[in-house]
Amino acid sequence: MSPQGLDTVLVEAAQAGSTGAFSRLVERHQQPLRAFLRRTCGDWAMADDLAQETFLTAWSRIGRLKAGASVRAWLCGIGYNKYLTAIRSRTRQRAREAAYEAEKPPSSAAMTDERLTLETVMAELPADQRACVALCLAADFSHQEAADGLNLPLGTVKSHVTRGRARLLQALGGSDAGS
């Protein structure tokens, strides 16, 4: 049986609901589709992701494939449309990020040594303590709001904040005289 004839048989079976037939179509066409997408976008990881999305879409649209149509061309068309959508999305995301960076206050644009030290110490705190410090000291949550949000006892939140504040102040060379 010719490759086109086999595709026709597999498409008809897939259109009738056979997941096995669709799996065979995927096996037959995934390498050419991935190669096409890799050449098109120049990014292997993106091409692999797009190929996966293409096959998911193809499965949901297999009923629309006309008899005798080239499966490979159909899949490449879906893949190319996925690629164009991804590029448009990436362009919009970059524009949003650029606008955000342009609107940020100048003082937050550059990382100071003090800020780098704070981030390093924060990363070293245990997860619960770090969450309590982030909410109560950085996001201005009350201890009770943090306790409710993190599902921790109020006393635990207070002690996490106290210990975390002490570690941060120690790292910055200050004292915890204010608590």
Protein backbone atom coordinates (compact mmCIF):
# COMPACT_ATOMS: atom_id res chain seq x y z
CA MET A 1 0.00 0.00 0.00
CA SER A 2 1.30 3.45 -0.88
CA PRO A 3 2.06 5.94 1.90
CA GLN A 4 -0.84 8.12 0.72
CA GLY A 5 -3.14 5.08 0.70
CA LEU A 6 -2.09 4.15 4.23
CA ASP A 7 -2.74 7.72 5.38
CA THR A 8 -6.20 7.57 3.82
CA VAL A 9 -7.03 4.35 5.68
CA LEU A 10 -5.64 5.74 8.96
CA VAL A 11 -7.53 9.03 8.58
CA GLU A 12 -10.81 7.22 7.95
CA ALA A 13 -10.26 5.07 11.04
CA ALA A 14 -9.29 8.09 13.13
CA GLN A 15 -12.35 9.96 11.93
CA ALA A 16 -14.38 6.97 13.11
CA GLY A 17 -12.83 7.42 16.57
CA SER A 18 -9.82 5.10 16.48
CA THR A 19 -7.12 6.49 18.75
CA GLY A 20 -4.79 3.74 17.53
CA ALA A 21 -5.11 4.95 13.96
CA PHE A 22 -4.42 8.51 15.03
CA SER A 23 -1.38 7.32 16.97
CA ARG A 24 -0.06 5.71 13.80
CA LEU A 25 -0.58 9.00 11.95
CA VAL A 26 1.39 10.78 14.67
CA GLU A 27 4.20 8.21 14.41
CA ARG A 28 4.30 8.59 10.63
CA HIS A 29 4.31 12.39 10.58
CA GLN A 30 5.85 13.65 13.80
CA GLN A 31 9.47 13.72 12.56
CA PRO A 32 8.68 15.63 9.35
CA LEU A 33 6.44 18.03 11.28
CA ARG A 34 9.09 18.64 13.95
CA ALA A 35 11.75 19.16 11.28
CA PHE A 36 9.52 21.68 9.48
CA LEU A 37 8.83 23.57 12.72
CA ARG A 38 12.49 23.53 13.76
CA ARG A 39 13.50 25.03 10.44
CA THR A 40 10.65 27.54 10.62
CA CYS A 41 11.19 28.85 14.13
CA GLY A 42 14.87 28.02 14.69
CA ASP A 43 14.16 26.97 18.27
CA TRP A 44 14.09 23.22 18.92
CA ALA A 45 12.25 23.41 22.23
CA MET A 46 9.61 25.72 20.79
CA ALA A 47 9.28 23.47 17.73
CA ASP A 48 8.70 20.42 19.93
CA ASP A 49 6.08 22.27 21.95
CA LEU A 50 4.36 23.46 18.80
CA ALA A 51 4.37 19.93 17.38
CA GLN A 52 2.63 18.66 20.51
CA GLU A 53 0.04 21.42 20.25
CA THR A 54 -0.39 20.65 16.56
CA PHE A 55 -1.22 17.00 17.21
CA LEU A 56 -3.66 17.93 19.96
CA THR A 57 -5.43 20.29 17.60
CA ALA A 58 -5.30 17.76 14.77
CA TRP A 59 -7.00 15.14 16.92
CA SER A 60 -9.84 17.53 17.71
CA ARG A 61 -10.15 18.51 14.03
CA ILE A 62 -9.56 15.15 12.32
CA GLY A 63 -13.20 15.10 11.24
CA ARG A 64 -12.59 18.22 9.12
CA LEU A 65 -9.80 16.67 7.05
CA LYS A 66 -11.14 16.07 3.54
CA ALA A 67 -10.78 12.67 1.92
CA GLY A 68 -7.61 12.40 -0.13
CA ALA A 69 -6.01 15.50 1.41
CA SER A 70 -2.33 15.32 2.34
CA VAL A 71 -2.07 14.64 6.05
CA ARG A 72 1.48 15.99 6.19
CA ALA A 73 0.49 19.27 4.50
CA TRP A 74 -2.54 19.57 6.79
CA LEU A 75 -0.39 19.03 9.89
CA CYS A 76 2.25 21.49 8.69
CA GLY A 77 -0.48 24.08 8.09
CA ILE A 78 -1.79 23.64 11.64
CA GLY A 79 1.77 23.78 12.97
CA TYR A 80 2.54 26.94 11.03
CA ASN A 81 -0.57 28.63 12.37
CA LYS A 82 0.48 27.59 15.90
CA TYR A 83 3.89 29.12 15.20
CA LEU A 84 2.40 32.41 14.00
CA THR A 85 0.17 32.58 17.08
CA ALA A 86 3.16 31.93 19.35
CA ILE A 87 5.19 34.67 17.63
CA ARG A 88 2.34 37.18 17.97
CA SER A 89 1.95 36.23 21.62
CA ARG A 90 5.69 36.56 22.25
CA THR A 91 5.72 39.97 20.54
CA ARG A 92 2.83 41.19 22.71
CA GLN A 93 4.52 39.84 25.84
CA ARG A 94 7.78 41.62 25.00
CA ALA A 95 5.88 44.87 24.40
CA ARG A 96 4.14 44.51 27.78
CA GLU A 97 7.45 43.80 29.49
CA ALA A 98 9.10 46.80 27.81
CA ALA A 99 6.22 49.05 28.86
CA TYR A 100 6.46 47.74 32.42
CA GLU A 101 10.23 48.31 32.52
CA ALA A 102 9.77 51.84 31.16
CA GLU A 103 7.21 52.65 33.88
CA LYS A 104 9.25 51.28 36.79
CA PRO A 105 10.74 53.89 39.11
CA PRO A 106 14.46 54.42 38.45
CA SER A 107 15.43 53.27 41.94
CA SER A 108 14.04 49.79 41.36
CA ALA A 109 15.67 49.39 37.95
CA ALA A 110 19.12 48.53 39.25
CA MET A 111 19.85 45.96 41.92
CA THR A 112 21.82 47.50 44.75
CA ASP A 113 24.18 45.48 46.91
CA GLU A 114 21.71 45.84 49.77
CA ARG A 115 18.85 44.50 47.67
CA LEU A 116 20.96 41.59 46.42
CA THR A 117 21.84 40.76 50.03
CA LEU A 118 18.15 40.90 51.01
CA GLU A 119 17.17 38.60 48.18
CA THR A 120 19.94 36.16 49.06
CA VAL A 121 18.92 36.06 52.73
CA MET A 122 15.24 35.74 51.81
CA ALA A 123 16.06 32.77 49.59
CA GLU A 124 17.86 31.10 52.52
CA LEU A 125 14.86 31.42 54.88
CA PRO A 126 12.67 28.35 55.34
CA ALA A 127 9.63 28.47 53.03
CA ASP A 128 7.03 29.23 55.74
CA GLN A 129 9.22 31.92 57.29
CA ARG A 130 9.95 33.46 53.88
CA ALA A 131 6.22 33.56 53.06
CA CYS A 132 5.40 35.24 56.39
CA VAL A 133 8.15 37.84 55.94
CA ALA A 134 7.10 38.51 52.35
CA LEU A 135 3.48 39.06 53.33
CA CYS A 136 3.94 40.99 56.57
CA LEU A 137 7.04 43.06 55.83
CA ALA A 138 6.92 43.48 52.07
CA ALA A 139 3.20 43.34 51.25
CA ASP A 140 1.94 45.07 54.43
CA PHE A 141 -0.33 42.22 55.51
CA SER A 142 -1.30 42.13 59.16
CA HIS A 143 -0.15 39.07 61.07
CA GLN A 144 -3.74 37.85 61.14
CA GLU A 145 -4.17 38.31 57.38
CA ALA A 146 -0.96 36.35 56.79
CA ALA A 147 -2.08 33.62 59.19
CA ASP A 148 -5.41 33.35 57.38
CA GLY A 149 -3.84 33.36 53.92
CA LEU A 150 -1.13 30.84 54.77
CA ASN A 151 -3.35 28.70 56.98
CA LEU A 152 -0.88 28.99 59.88
CA PRO A 153 -1.50 29.77 63.54
CA LEU A 154 -1.18 33.46 64.42
CA GLY A 155 1.64 32.81 66.90
CA THR A 156 3.61 30.91 64.26
CA VAL A 157 3.30 33.79 61.83
CA LYS A 158 4.46 36.28 64.48
CA SER A 159 7.51 34.19 65.36
CA HIS A 160 8.36 33.59 61.70
CA VAL A 161 8.21 37.34 61.03
CA THR A 162 10.33 38.13 64.11
CA ARG A 163 13.00 35.56 63.23
CA GLY A 164 12.98 36.52 59.57
CA ARG A 165 13.29 40.23 60.33
CA ALA A 166 16.21 39.49 62.67
CA ARG A 167 18.03 37.50 59.94
CA LEU A 168 17.45 40.26 57.39
CA LEU A 169 18.68 42.97 59.73
CA GLN A 170 21.72 40.89 60.68
CA ALA A 171 22.59 40.46 57.01
CA LEU A 172 22.33 44.21 56.49
CA GLY A 173 24.46 44.97 59.54
CA GLY A 174 21.62 46.51 61.56
CA SER A 175 20.05 45.65 64.87
CA ASP A 176 16.54 44.55 65.72
CA ALA A 177 16.09 47.16 68.47
CA GLY A 178 12.71 48.31 67.04
CA SER A 179 10.86 45.06 67.75
